[in-house]
Amino acid sequence: MSGIPQIDIPTKTLTASGATTTRFSYKGARGGGFRVVSLATAVSVTFQVANTLGGTLGDLKDSNNAAISQTLTAGDSYEIPTQAFAFAEIALVCNAGTAVVDVCFKG
């Protein structure tokens, strides 16, 4: 039995700007998550997505048209929202400062 392919992306820095935060190719992913290694001022991230690699980012919204965000604690792990599955690229934008994360995706 073969396992589900997994992509591990260690220690990437997230920033408070969609222009400078790390962007991840999410094309074909069927799940994903991240572990917060450390925080510098950041207390949450908002998920942003793009239809194409390198495309314009926009907030990932829920069914109530609210941007999807996640409060963070260093050392804890979080799931990437299932609403992101349809997009080619995902970025996590901090509310302030920076966060260092380890990310994994499953295809």
C-alpha atoms as a PDB file:
ATOM      1  CA  MET A   1       0.000   0.000   0.000  1.00  0.00           C
ATOM      2  CA  SER A   2       1.433   3.358  -0.962  1.00  0.00           C
ATOM      3  CA  GLY A   3       1.035   6.353   1.305  1.00  0.00           C
ATOM      4  CA  ILE A   4      -0.381   9.724   0.430  1.00  0.00           C
ATOM      5  CA  PRO A   5       2.416  11.967  -0.924  1.00  0.00           C
ATOM      6  CA  GLN A   6       3.451  14.551   1.646  1.00  0.00           C
ATOM      7  CA  ILE A   7       5.471  17.716   1.172  1.00  0.00           C
ATOM      8  CA  ASP A   8       7.268  19.077   4.228  1.00  0.00           C
ATOM      9  CA  ILE A   9       8.440  22.697   4.195  1.00  0.00           C
ATOM     10  CA  PRO A  10      10.505  23.514   7.294  1.00  0.00           C
ATOM     11  CA  THR A  11      11.099  26.885   8.933  1.00  0.00           C
ATOM     12  CA  LYS A  12       9.578  29.574   6.769  1.00  0.00           C
ATOM     13  CA  THR A  13       9.007  33.113   8.016  1.00  0.00           C
ATOM     14  CA  LEU A  14       5.582  34.726   7.768  1.00  0.00           C
ATOM     15  CA  THR A  15       5.224  38.512   7.809  1.00  0.00           C
ATOM     16  CA  ALA A  16       2.437  41.067   8.234  1.00  0.00           C
ATOM     17  CA  SER A  17       2.263  41.809   4.493  1.00  0.00           C
ATOM     18  CA  GLY A  18       0.944  39.748   1.590  1.00  0.00           C
ATOM     19  CA  ALA A  19       3.764  41.244  -0.493  1.00  0.00           C
ATOM     20  CA  THR A  20       6.551  39.877   1.737  1.00  0.00           C
ATOM     21  CA  THR A  21       5.163  36.826   3.530  1.00  0.00           C
ATOM     22  CA  THR A  22       6.075  33.341   2.309  1.00  0.00           C
ATOM     23  CA  ARG A  23       3.731  32.026  -0.397  1.00  0.00           C
ATOM     24  CA  PHE A  24       3.183  28.286  -0.774  1.00  0.00           C
ATOM     25  CA  SER A  25       2.154  26.364  -3.878  1.00  0.00           C
ATOM     26  CA  TYR A  26      -1.052  24.603  -2.827  1.00  0.00           C
ATOM     27  CA  LYS A  27      -2.059  23.298  -6.267  1.00  0.00           C
ATOM     28  CA  GLY A  28      -3.347  19.739  -5.949  1.00  0.00           C
ATOM     29  CA  ALA A  29      -3.110  19.668  -2.153  1.00  0.00           C
ATOM     30  CA  ARG A  30      -5.850  17.796  -0.337  1.00  0.00           C
ATOM     31  CA  GLY A  31      -4.898  18.901   3.113  1.00  0.00           C
ATOM     32  CA  GLY A  32      -2.269  20.710   5.064  1.00  0.00           C
ATOM     33  CA  GLY A  33      -1.205  22.142   8.330  1.00  0.00           C
ATOM     34  CA  PHE A  34       1.485  24.121  10.054  1.00  0.00           C
ATOM     35  CA  ARG A  35       3.316  24.196  13.374  1.00  0.00           C
ATOM     36  CA  VAL A  36       4.301  27.507  14.928  1.00  0.00           C
ATOM     37  CA  VAL A  37       8.006  27.398  15.783  1.00  0.00           C
ATOM     38  CA  SER A  38       8.204  30.941  17.168  1.00  0.00           C
ATOM     39  CA  LEU A  39       6.352  34.252  17.248  1.00  0.00           C
ATOM     40  CA  ALA A  40       7.701  37.817  17.232  1.00  0.00           C
ATOM     41  CA  THR A  41       4.745  40.136  17.973  1.00  0.00           C
ATOM     42  CA  ALA A  42       2.348  38.091  15.784  1.00  0.00           C
ATOM     43  CA  VAL A  43      -0.705  36.642  17.531  1.00  0.00           C
ATOM     44  CA  SER A  44      -2.719  35.490  14.497  1.00  0.00           C
ATOM     45  CA  VAL A  45      -2.603  34.862  10.759  1.00  0.00           C
ATOM     46  CA  THR A  46      -5.150  35.516   8.042  1.00  0.00           C
ATOM     47  CA  PHE A  47      -5.232  33.047   5.161  1.00  0.00           C
ATOM     48  CA  GLN A  48      -4.880  34.516   1.676  1.00  0.00           C
ATOM     49  CA  VAL A  49      -5.111  32.639  -1.626  1.00  0.00           C
ATOM     50  CA  ALA A  50      -4.443  33.127  -5.338  1.00  0.00           C
ATOM     51  CA  ASN A  51      -6.014  31.354  -8.321  1.00  0.00           C
ATOM     52  CA  THR A  52      -2.632  31.031 -10.063  1.00  0.00           C
ATOM     53  CA  LEU A  53       0.971  30.701  -8.894  1.00  0.00           C
ATOM     54  CA  GLY A  54       2.275  34.229  -8.385  1.00  0.00           C
ATOM     55  CA  GLY A  55      -1.249  35.633  -8.824  1.00  0.00           C
ATOM     56  CA  THR A  56      -2.928  38.344  -6.830  1.00  0.00           C
ATOM     57  CA  LEU A  57      -3.672  37.317  -3.251  1.00  0.00           C
ATOM     58  CA  GLY A  58      -7.078  37.846  -1.661  1.00  0.00           C
ATOM     59  CA  ASP A  59      -8.477  36.953   1.745  1.00  0.00           C
ATOM     60  CA  LEU A  60      -9.868  33.425   2.045  1.00  0.00           C
ATOM     61  CA  LYS A  61     -13.440  33.943   3.249  1.00  0.00           C
ATOM     62  CA  ASP A  62     -15.965  31.721   4.991  1.00  0.00           C
ATOM     63  CA  SER A  63     -19.628  31.333   4.056  1.00  0.00           C
ATOM     64  CA  ASN A  64     -20.448  34.508   6.025  1.00  0.00           C
ATOM     65  CA  ASN A  65     -17.981  36.542   3.917  1.00  0.00           C
ATOM     66  CA  ALA A  66     -15.567  36.907   6.850  1.00  0.00           C
ATOM     67  CA  ALA A  67     -11.819  36.514   6.349  1.00  0.00           C
ATOM     68  CA  ILE A  68     -10.571  33.242   7.830  1.00  0.00           C
ATOM     69  CA  SER A  69      -7.914  33.743  10.481  1.00  0.00           C
ATOM     70  CA  GLN A  70      -6.269  31.673  13.201  1.00  0.00           C
ATOM     71  CA  THR A  71      -5.006  32.767  16.618  1.00  0.00           C
ATOM     72  CA  LEU A  72      -1.506  31.364  17.194  1.00  0.00           C
ATOM     73  CA  THR A  73       0.459  29.931  20.108  1.00  0.00           C
ATOM     74  CA  ALA A  74       4.146  29.043  19.741  1.00  0.00           C
ATOM     75  CA  GLY A  75       4.604  25.267  19.715  1.00  0.00           C
ATOM     76  CA  ASP A  76       1.039  24.523  18.621  1.00  0.00           C
ATOM     77  CA  SER A  77      -0.112  23.081  15.278  1.00  0.00           C
ATOM     78  CA  TYR A  78      -3.042  24.123  13.093  1.00  0.00           C
ATOM     79  CA  GLU A  79      -4.933  22.860  10.067  1.00  0.00           C
ATOM     80  CA  ILE A  80      -5.110  24.855   6.841  1.00  0.00           C
ATOM     81  CA  PRO A  81      -8.820  25.543   6.171  1.00  0.00           C
ATOM     82  CA  THR A  82     -10.511  23.222   3.681  1.00  0.00           C
ATOM     83  CA  GLN A  83     -11.759  26.290   1.750  1.00  0.00           C
ATOM     84  CA  ALA A  84      -8.169  26.690   0.459  1.00  0.00           C
ATOM     85  CA  PHE A  85      -8.210  23.382  -1.464  1.00  0.00           C
ATOM     86  CA  ALA A  86      -9.480  24.952  -4.697  1.00  0.00           C
ATOM     87  CA  PHE A  87      -6.632  27.476  -4.991  1.00  0.00           C
ATOM     88  CA  ALA A  88      -3.171  27.268  -6.541  1.00  0.00           C
ATOM     89  CA  GLU A  89      -1.352  29.260  -3.887  1.00  0.00           C
ATOM     90  CA  ILE A  90      -1.776  30.096  -0.211  1.00  0.00           C
ATOM     91  CA  ALA A  91      -0.147  32.677   2.039  1.00  0.00           C
ATOM     92  CA  LEU A  92      -0.458  33.155   5.777  1.00  0.00           C
ATOM     93  CA  VAL A  93      -0.284  36.843   6.723  1.00  0.00           C
ATOM     94  CA  CYS A  94       0.480  37.830  10.319  1.00  0.00           C
ATOM     95  CA  ASN A  95      -1.544  40.497  12.101  1.00  0.00           C
ATOM     96  CA  ALA A  96       1.792  42.124  13.108  1.00  0.00           C
ATOM     97  CA  GLY A  97       5.469  41.195  13.340  1.00  0.00           C
ATOM     98  CA  THR A  98       6.542  37.739  12.198  1.00  0.00           C
ATOM     99  CA  ALA A  99       6.017  34.049  12.827  1.00  0.00           C
ATOM    100  CA  VAL A 100       8.265  31.123  11.955  1.00  0.00           C
ATOM    101  CA  VAL A 101       6.393  27.982  10.904  1.00  0.00           C
ATOM    102  CA  ASP A 102       6.933  24.451   9.621  1.00  0.00           C
ATOM    103  CA  VAL A 103       4.350  23.512   6.958  1.00  0.00           C
ATOM    104  CA  CYS A 104       3.211  20.216   5.464  1.00  0.00           C
ATOM    105  CA  PHE A 105       0.822  19.455   2.610  1.00  0.00           C
ATOM    106  CA  LYS A 106      -0.759  16.185   1.521  1.00  0.00           C
ATOM    107  CA  GLY A 107      -1.672  15.531  -2.093  1.00  0.00           C
END
